Amino acid sequence: MTLLRVAREVLVVVTATALALAAVVLLVYGALAELQLLELLSVVPEFLLGFAGPALAIWTLLVVIGAALLRHRGPWWRIGAHALSAVVAGVANVPLVVALGEAADAQGGLVGALGLLGSALFVPLALLVTPVIVLLLDRGRVRAPSPGPTTPGPAGVR
């Protein structure tokens, strides 16, 4: 896997996960909060950058590292690494959001709950989107033919 393929994998995986997260945020906030359309659309960037932002940033960095280090491995190695990094980023998201909220003098409990909601939405979506994208991108990859047997088998001995 070349570095161009690594960059493509990182960009597509992270972008698809962020778009899926934005769609879920629209659905969740649209169903639970009775907001007007413009208010609803303004909540999405705030949620993505504020309450799920640290998870997305950490995960993006870990996906770059994992994709680069595992570029010569099969797709399931990268999927496993990206999935593990999504869980790590989701766990790290909550204390980071609380720390950022405390630094901004916000209410700690509410900010912590929203950080937990950000992680609770991000991790499952990353776990669902990653295998689909990696396998779709890897589908067109040309594999080296496996070496056949050096001696002819029973069919070749006539």
C-alpha atoms as a PDB file:
ATOM      1  CA  MET A   1       0.000   0.000   0.000  1.00  0.00           C
ATOM      2  CA  THR A   2       1.546   3.270  -1.056  1.00  0.00           C
ATOM      3  CA  LEU A   3       1.442   6.456   0.947  1.00  0.00           C
ATOM      4  CA  LEU A   4      -1.178   7.815  -1.446  1.00  0.00           C
ATOM      5  CA  ARG A   5      -3.445   4.901  -0.545  1.00  0.00           C
ATOM      6  CA  VAL A   6      -2.751   5.508   3.145  1.00  0.00           C
ATOM      7  CA  ALA A   7      -3.752   9.162   2.780  1.00  0.00           C
ATOM      8  CA  ARG A   8      -6.876   8.202   0.829  1.00  0.00           C
ATOM      9  CA  GLU A   9      -7.865   5.639   3.459  1.00  0.00           C
ATOM     10  CA  VAL A  10      -7.390   8.126   6.298  1.00  0.00           C
ATOM     11  CA  LEU A  11      -9.315  10.903   4.564  1.00  0.00           C
ATOM     12  CA  VAL A  12     -12.221   8.714   3.500  1.00  0.00           C
ATOM     13  CA  VAL A  13     -12.553   6.870   6.829  1.00  0.00           C
ATOM     14  CA  VAL A  14     -12.430  10.045   8.932  1.00  0.00           C
ATOM     15  CA  THR A  15     -14.700  12.035   6.596  1.00  0.00           C
ATOM     16  CA  ALA A  16     -17.285   9.252   6.339  1.00  0.00           C
ATOM     17  CA  THR A  17     -17.333   8.843  10.114  1.00  0.00           C
ATOM     18  CA  ALA A  18     -17.694  12.595  10.673  1.00  0.00           C
ATOM     19  CA  LEU A  19     -20.545  12.789   8.133  1.00  0.00           C
ATOM     20  CA  ALA A  20     -22.302   9.799   9.716  1.00  0.00           C
ATOM     21  CA  LEU A  21     -21.879  11.417  13.132  1.00  0.00           C
ATOM     22  CA  ALA A  22     -23.335  14.677  11.792  1.00  0.00           C
ATOM     23  CA  ALA A  23     -26.344  12.800  10.395  1.00  0.00           C
ATOM     24  CA  VAL A  24     -26.942  11.006  13.695  1.00  0.00           C
ATOM     25  CA  VAL A  25     -26.612  14.276  15.633  1.00  0.00           C
ATOM     26  CA  LEU A  26     -29.206  15.823  13.335  1.00  0.00           C
ATOM     27  CA  LEU A  27     -31.544  12.895  13.975  1.00  0.00           C
ATOM     28  CA  VAL A  28     -31.000  12.807  17.747  1.00  0.00           C
ATOM     29  CA  TYR A  29     -31.306  16.537  18.278  1.00  0.00           C
ATOM     30  CA  GLY A  30     -34.162  16.736  15.774  1.00  0.00           C
ATOM     31  CA  ALA A  31     -36.097  14.055  17.629  1.00  0.00           C
ATOM     32  CA  LEU A  32     -35.339  15.132  21.207  1.00  0.00           C
ATOM     33  CA  ALA A  33     -34.976  18.900  21.037  1.00  0.00           C
ATOM     34  CA  GLU A  34     -37.677  20.897  19.373  1.00  0.00           C
ATOM     35  CA  LEU A  35     -35.416  23.229  17.445  1.00  0.00           C
ATOM     36  CA  GLN A  36     -35.990  25.225  14.302  1.00  0.00           C
ATOM     37  CA  LEU A  37     -34.084  24.111  11.206  1.00  0.00           C
ATOM     38  CA  LEU A  38     -31.413  26.831  11.424  1.00  0.00           C
ATOM     39  CA  GLU A  39     -30.898  26.167  15.135  1.00  0.00           C
ATOM     40  CA  LEU A  40     -30.654  22.456  14.431  1.00  0.00           C
ATOM     41  CA  LEU A  41     -28.072  23.024  11.705  1.00  0.00           C
ATOM     42  CA  SER A  42     -26.010  25.240  14.015  1.00  0.00           C
ATOM     43  CA  VAL A  43     -25.928  22.521  16.698  1.00  0.00           C
ATOM     44  CA  VAL A  44     -24.142  20.010  14.441  1.00  0.00           C
ATOM     45  CA  PRO A  45     -20.783  21.820  14.087  1.00  0.00           C
ATOM     46  CA  GLU A  46     -20.899  22.777  17.757  1.00  0.00           C
ATOM     47  CA  PHE A  47     -21.416  19.153  18.761  1.00  0.00           C
ATOM     48  CA  LEU A  48     -18.872  17.750  16.296  1.00  0.00           C
ATOM     49  CA  LEU A  49     -16.142  20.213  17.198  1.00  0.00           C
ATOM     50  CA  GLY A  50     -16.972  20.626  20.883  1.00  0.00           C
ATOM     51  CA  PHE A  51     -18.278  17.429  22.413  1.00  0.00           C
ATOM     52  CA  ALA A  52     -16.957  14.868  19.921  1.00  0.00           C
ATOM     53  CA  GLY A  53     -14.067  16.987  18.660  1.00  0.00           C
ATOM     54  CA  PRO A  54     -11.341  15.606  20.927  1.00  0.00           C
ATOM     55  CA  ALA A  55     -12.367  12.047  20.020  1.00  0.00           C
ATOM     56  CA  LEU A  56     -12.284  12.861  16.302  1.00  0.00           C
ATOM     57  CA  ALA A  57      -8.897  14.554  16.618  1.00  0.00           C
ATOM     58  CA  ILE A  58      -7.301  11.741  18.621  1.00  0.00           C
ATOM     59  CA  TRP A  59      -8.840   9.107  16.377  1.00  0.00           C
ATOM     60  CA  THR A  60      -7.635  10.863  13.228  1.00  0.00           C
ATOM     61  CA  LEU A  61      -4.090  10.917  14.574  1.00  0.00           C
ATOM     62  CA  LEU A  62      -4.287   7.240  15.563  1.00  0.00           C
ATOM     63  CA  VAL A  63      -5.789   6.270  12.194  1.00  0.00           C
ATOM     64  CA  VAL A  64      -2.916   8.027  10.400  1.00  0.00           C
ATOM     65  CA  ILE A  65      -0.376   6.155  12.520  1.00  0.00           C
ATOM     66  CA  GLY A  66      -2.163   2.813  12.186  1.00  0.00           C
ATOM     67  CA  ALA A  67      -2.694   3.085   8.451  1.00  0.00           C
ATOM     68  CA  ALA A  68       0.936   4.062   7.880  1.00  0.00           C
ATOM     69  CA  LEU A  69       2.394   1.346  10.091  1.00  0.00           C
ATOM     70  CA  LEU A  70       0.071  -1.381   8.803  1.00  0.00           C
ATOM     71  CA  ARG A  71       0.114  -0.385   5.125  1.00  0.00           C
ATOM     72  CA  HIS A  72       1.713  -3.700   4.106  1.00  0.00           C
ATOM     73  CA  ARG A  73      -0.739  -5.784   6.119  1.00  0.00           C
ATOM     74  CA  GLY A  74      -4.188  -6.946   5.102  1.00  0.00           C
ATOM     75  CA  PRO A  75      -7.317  -4.856   5.539  1.00  0.00           C
ATOM     76  CA  TRP A  76      -8.431  -6.648   8.700  1.00  0.00           C
ATOM     77  CA  TRP A  77      -5.262  -5.563  10.500  1.00  0.00           C
ATOM     78  CA  ARG A  78      -6.046  -1.937   9.704  1.00  0.00           C
ATOM     79  CA  ILE A  79      -9.708  -2.361  10.601  1.00  0.00           C
ATOM     80  CA  GLY A  80      -8.724  -3.815  13.965  1.00  0.00           C
ATOM     81  CA  ALA A  81      -6.247  -1.019  14.626  1.00  0.00           C
ATOM     82  CA  HIS A  82      -8.764   1.666  13.639  1.00  0.00           C
ATOM     83  CA  ALA A  83     -11.465   0.057  15.802  1.00  0.00           C
ATOM     84  CA  LEU A  84      -9.172  -0.132  18.823  1.00  0.00           C
ATOM     85  CA  SER A  85      -8.121   3.467  18.287  1.00  0.00           C
ATOM     86  CA  ALA A  86     -11.790   4.535  18.119  1.00  0.00           C
ATOM     87  CA  VAL A  87     -12.394   2.999  21.541  1.00  0.00           C
ATOM     88  CA  VAL A  88      -9.263   4.676  22.944  1.00  0.00           C
ATOM     89  CA  ALA A  89     -10.322   8.036  21.484  1.00  0.00           C
ATOM     90  CA  GLY A  90     -13.851   7.625  22.842  1.00  0.00           C
ATOM     91  CA  VAL A  91     -12.555   6.925  26.338  1.00  0.00           C
ATOM     92  CA  ALA A  92     -10.133   9.862  26.195  1.00  0.00           C
ATOM     93  CA  ASN A  93     -12.876  12.172  24.904  1.00  0.00           C
ATOM     94  CA  VAL A  94     -14.817  12.489  28.172  1.00  0.00           C
ATOM     95  CA  PRO A  95     -12.032  13.781  30.445  1.00  0.00           C
ATOM     96  CA  LEU A  96     -10.772  16.072  27.686  1.00  0.00           C
ATOM     97  CA  VAL A  97     -14.221  17.597  27.152  1.00  0.00           C
ATOM     98  CA  VAL A  98     -14.663  18.044  30.910  1.00  0.00           C
ATOM     99  CA  ALA A  99     -11.216  19.668  31.191  1.00  0.00           C
ATOM    100  CA  LEU A 100     -11.981  22.012  28.301  1.00  0.00           C
ATOM    101  CA  GLY A 101     -15.353  22.821  29.861  1.00  0.00           C
ATOM    102  CA  GLU A 102     -13.752  23.574  33.213  1.00  0.00           C
ATOM    103  CA  ALA A 103     -11.196  25.807  31.517  1.00  0.00           C
ATOM    104  CA  ALA A 104     -14.078  27.684  29.867  1.00  0.00           C
ATOM    105  CA  ASP A 105     -15.868  27.936  33.244  1.00  0.00           C
ATOM    106  CA  ALA A 106     -18.815  25.804  32.111  1.00  0.00           C
ATOM    107  CA  GLN A 107     -20.979  23.517  34.231  1.00  0.00           C
ATOM    108  CA  GLY A 108     -18.901  20.372  34.700  1.00  0.00           C
ATOM    109  CA  GLY A 109     -21.728  17.850  34.999  1.00  0.00           C
ATOM    110  CA  LEU A 110     -23.567  18.977  31.902  1.00  0.00           C
ATOM    111  CA  VAL A 111     -20.385  19.245  29.861  1.00  0.00           C
ATOM    112  CA  GLY A 112     -19.319  15.794  31.065  1.00  0.00           C
ATOM    113  CA  ALA A 113     -22.679  14.337  30.072  1.00  0.00           C
ATOM    114  CA  LEU A 114     -22.424  15.894  26.616  1.00  0.00           C
ATOM    115  CA  GLY A 115     -18.856  14.604  26.281  1.00  0.00           C
ATOM    116  CA  LEU A 116     -20.119  11.150  27.209  1.00  0.00           C
ATOM    117  CA  LEU A 117     -22.887  11.520  24.622  1.00  0.00           C
ATOM    118  CA  GLY A 118     -20.261  12.505  22.049  1.00  0.00           C
ATOM    119  CA  SER A 119     -18.285   9.349  22.833  1.00  0.00           C
ATOM    120  CA  ALA A 120     -21.414   7.201  22.906  1.00  0.00           C
ATOM    121  CA  LEU A 121     -22.321   8.354  19.407  1.00  0.00           C
ATOM    122  CA  PHE A 122     -18.795   8.429  17.976  1.00  0.00           C
ATOM    123  CA  VAL A 123     -17.465   4.996  18.973  1.00  0.00           C
ATOM    124  CA  PRO A 124     -20.275   2.821  17.510  1.00  0.00           C
ATOM    125  CA  LEU A 125     -20.346   4.872  14.312  1.00  0.00           C
ATOM    126  CA  ALA A 126     -16.587   4.563  13.889  1.00  0.00           C
ATOM    127  CA  LEU A 127     -16.848   0.824  14.520  1.00  0.00           C
ATOM    128  CA  LEU A 128     -19.547   0.512  11.846  1.00  0.00           C
ATOM    129  CA  VAL A 129     -18.118   2.822   9.194  1.00  0.00           C
ATOM    130  CA  THR A 130     -14.466   1.725   9.354  1.00  0.00           C
ATOM    131  CA  PRO A 131     -14.794  -1.863   8.058  1.00  0.00           C
ATOM    132  CA  VAL A 132     -17.101  -0.818   5.252  1.00  0.00           C
ATOM    133  CA  ILE A 133     -14.804   1.934   4.013  1.00  0.00           C
ATOM    134  CA  VAL A 134     -11.535   0.010   4.405  1.00  0.00           C
ATOM    135  CA  LEU A 135     -12.929  -3.054   2.622  1.00  0.00           C
ATOM    136  CA  LEU A 136     -14.400  -0.939  -0.179  1.00  0.00           C
ATOM    137  CA  LEU A 137     -11.110   0.880  -0.684  1.00  0.00           C
ATOM    138  CA  ASP A 138      -9.148  -2.367  -0.515  1.00  0.00           C
ATOM    139  CA  ARG A 139     -11.454  -4.120  -2.990  1.00  0.00           C
ATOM    140  CA  GLY A 140      -9.726  -2.642  -6.019  1.00  0.00           C
ATOM    141  CA  ARG A 141      -6.259  -3.376  -4.716  1.00  0.00           C
ATOM    142  CA  VAL A 142      -4.256  -5.731  -6.906  1.00  0.00           C
ATOM    143  CA  ARG A 143      -2.842  -8.616  -4.929  1.00  0.00           C
ATOM    144  CA  ALA A 144       0.318 -10.464  -5.847  1.00  0.00           C
ATOM    145  CA  PRO A 145      -0.499 -13.961  -7.017  1.00  0.00           C
ATOM    146  CA  SER A 146       0.266 -16.605  -4.465  1.00  0.00           C
ATOM    147  CA  PRO A 147       2.998 -18.969  -5.529  1.00  0.00           C
ATOM    148  CA  GLY A 148       1.584 -22.247  -6.741  1.00  0.00           C
ATOM    149  CA  PRO A 149       2.995 -25.661  -5.960  1.00  0.00           C
ATOM    150  CA  THR A 150       6.449 -26.255  -7.376  1.00  0.00           C
ATOM    151  CA  THR A 151       5.622 -29.813  -8.370  1.00  0.00           C
ATOM    152  CA  PRO A 152       2.549 -30.669 -10.362  1.00  0.00           C
ATOM    153  CA  GLY A 153      -0.341 -32.136  -8.419  1.00  0.00           C
ATOM    154  CA  PRO A 154      -2.196 -35.349  -9.252  1.00  0.00           C
ATOM    155  CA  ALA A 155      -3.986 -33.717 -12.182  1.00  0.00           C
ATOM    156  CA  GLY A 156      -0.706 -32.725 -13.836  1.00  0.00           C
ATOM    157  CA  VAL A 157       0.920 -36.205 -13.670  1.00  0.00           C
ATOM    158  CA  ARG A 158      -0.756 -38.004 -16.552  1.00  0.00           C
END
